[in-house]
Amino acid sequence: MVNKFISLLLVVSILVVSSGCCSITRGNRQLVTITSEPTGAKVKMDGYKGTTPYSVSLDRSKDYVVEVSKEGYATEQRQITHSFSPMAIFGNIFFLLIGVIVDFATGSGYNLNPTSVDVGLEKAK
């Protein structure tokens, strides 16, 4: 009987700990994909550079301005913003305040929006 109780307590403890905070389950970075029509456009944002289609892992706790340009086309800018993630609260029901503090201190308590940026470039005039 005691062994069953200890086994049940161990299983419940593991479930509680593993259900936890966003910093454990999601991390503080999020993959964002940037595409353009036409493809092959240059992408610049806060120290990141690439060519479309471009995927980058960004810090969840920051906002970004994406600049997409291609010779012969007008340069376009798009915003990627961070917002509060309800998972930071609901995922920490068992961890209470400690988990919430950790999630927002590490940046994992946020989501980036949008996660896919599609830019249609217009020919320059």
Protein backbone atom coordinates (compact mmCIF):
# COMPACT_ATOMS: atom_id res chain seq x y z
CA MET A 1 0.00 0.00 0.00
CA VAL A 2 2.82 2.39 0.90
CA ASN A 3 4.63 1.57 -2.36
CA LYS A 4 1.50 2.40 -4.39
CA PHE A 5 1.15 5.73 -2.57
CA ILE A 6 4.81 6.60 -3.17
CA SER A 7 4.50 5.60 -6.83
CA LEU A 8 1.38 7.74 -7.25
CA LEU A 9 3.06 10.67 -5.51
CA LEU A 10 6.08 10.32 -7.79
CA VAL A 11 3.91 10.27 -10.95
CA VAL A 12 1.92 13.32 -9.83
CA SER A 13 5.14 15.16 -8.96
CA ILE A 14 6.60 14.46 -12.41
CA LEU A 15 3.40 15.65 -14.11
CA VAL A 16 3.38 18.85 -12.06
CA VAL A 17 7.01 19.64 -12.79
CA SER A 18 6.81 18.79 -16.50
CA SER A 19 3.60 20.77 -17.11
CA GLY A 20 5.34 23.93 -16.10
CA CYS A 21 6.72 27.06 -17.37
CA CYS A 22 7.21 28.33 -20.90
CA SER A 23 10.96 28.66 -20.44
CA ILE A 24 11.10 24.87 -20.20
CA THR A 25 8.52 23.94 -22.81
CA ARG A 26 9.00 26.68 -25.45
CA GLY A 27 12.25 28.52 -24.80
CA ASN A 28 12.93 32.22 -25.26
CA ARG A 29 13.31 32.13 -29.06
CA GLN A 30 10.72 31.71 -31.81
CA LEU A 31 11.12 30.81 -35.47
CA VAL A 32 9.88 33.47 -37.90
CA THR A 33 9.78 32.99 -41.67
CA ILE A 34 10.00 35.86 -44.17
CA THR A 35 9.02 35.35 -47.80
CA SER A 36 8.63 37.73 -50.70
CA GLU A 37 7.21 37.90 -54.17
CA PRO A 38 9.47 37.97 -56.10
CA THR A 39 11.83 35.73 -54.12
CA GLY A 40 15.49 36.56 -53.61
CA ALA A 41 14.88 39.88 -51.84
CA LYS A 42 17.28 41.11 -49.16
CA VAL A 43 16.06 40.97 -45.57
CA LYS A 44 17.47 43.22 -42.83
CA MET A 45 16.37 43.54 -39.22
CA ASP A 46 18.22 44.38 -36.02
CA GLY A 47 21.53 42.79 -37.04
CA TYR A 48 20.01 39.89 -38.99
CA LYS A 49 20.54 39.69 -42.76
CA GLY A 50 19.40 37.16 -45.30
CA THR A 51 17.62 36.51 -48.58
CA THR A 52 14.01 35.43 -49.01
CA PRO A 53 12.80 32.88 -48.27
CA TYR A 54 14.46 33.44 -44.89
CA SER A 55 13.86 31.80 -41.51
CA VAL A 56 15.36 33.13 -38.30
CA SER A 57 15.08 32.33 -34.60
CA LEU A 58 14.24 35.57 -32.77
CA ASP A 59 14.16 36.59 -29.13
CA ARG A 60 10.51 36.45 -28.02
CA SER A 61 10.83 39.52 -25.75
CA LYS A 62 11.61 42.09 -28.47
CA ASP A 63 9.85 43.90 -31.30
CA TYR A 64 11.41 43.91 -34.77
CA VAL A 65 11.17 45.97 -37.95
CA VAL A 66 11.79 43.85 -41.03
CA GLU A 67 13.05 45.61 -44.15
CA VAL A 68 12.68 43.73 -47.44
CA SER A 69 14.29 45.15 -50.59
CA LYS A 70 15.21 44.10 -54.09
CA GLU A 71 16.72 46.08 -56.92
CA GLY A 72 14.00 47.48 -59.17
CA TYR A 73 11.36 47.24 -56.44
CA ALA A 74 10.16 49.58 -53.68
CA THR A 75 11.50 48.69 -50.22
CA GLU A 76 8.87 47.40 -47.80
CA GLN A 77 8.86 47.30 -44.00
CA ARG A 78 6.86 45.05 -41.70
CA GLN A 79 6.54 44.92 -37.91
CA ILE A 80 6.99 41.83 -35.76
CA THR A 81 5.76 42.54 -32.26
CA HIS A 82 5.95 40.63 -29.01
CA SER A 83 2.86 40.13 -26.89
CA PHE A 84 1.92 38.46 -23.62
CA SER A 85 1.41 34.70 -23.85
CA PRO A 86 -1.49 33.32 -21.79
CA MET A 87 0.56 30.11 -21.49
CA ALA A 88 2.88 31.98 -19.14
CA ILE A 89 0.05 32.11 -16.59
CA PHE A 90 -1.91 28.93 -17.35
CA GLY A 91 1.22 26.80 -17.72
CA ASN A 92 2.42 27.96 -14.32
CA ILE A 93 -0.62 27.04 -12.25
CA PHE A 94 1.52 24.63 -10.24
CA PHE A 95 4.61 26.83 -10.16
CA LEU A 96 2.66 29.96 -9.22
CA LEU A 97 4.64 33.19 -9.04
CA ILE A 98 8.11 31.68 -9.43
CA GLY A 99 7.35 30.24 -12.88
CA VAL A 100 5.72 33.45 -14.10
CA ILE A 101 8.73 35.50 -12.98
CA VAL A 102 11.13 33.10 -14.72
CA ASP A 103 9.07 33.14 -17.94
CA PHE A 104 9.02 36.91 -18.25
CA ALA A 105 12.62 37.37 -17.08
CA THR A 106 13.83 34.98 -19.79
CA GLY A 107 11.43 36.29 -22.45
CA SER A 108 9.69 32.97 -22.94
CA GLY A 109 6.41 34.38 -21.59
CA TYR A 110 5.86 36.22 -24.89
CA ASN A 111 4.81 35.34 -28.44
CA LEU A 112 6.01 36.98 -31.64
CA ASN A 113 3.34 38.03 -34.15
CA PRO A 114 3.23 37.37 -37.01
CA THR A 115 5.34 34.22 -37.25
CA SER A 116 5.20 34.31 -41.04
CA VAL A 117 5.83 37.57 -42.91
CA ASP A 118 4.88 37.55 -46.60
CA VAL A 119 5.85 40.68 -48.53
CA GLY A 120 4.63 41.48 -52.04
CA LEU A 121 7.14 43.89 -53.56
CA GLU A 122 5.94 46.47 -56.06
CA LYS A 123 8.03 47.63 -58.98
CA ALA A 124 9.78 50.94 -58.33
CA LYS A 125 8.42 53.95 -60.18
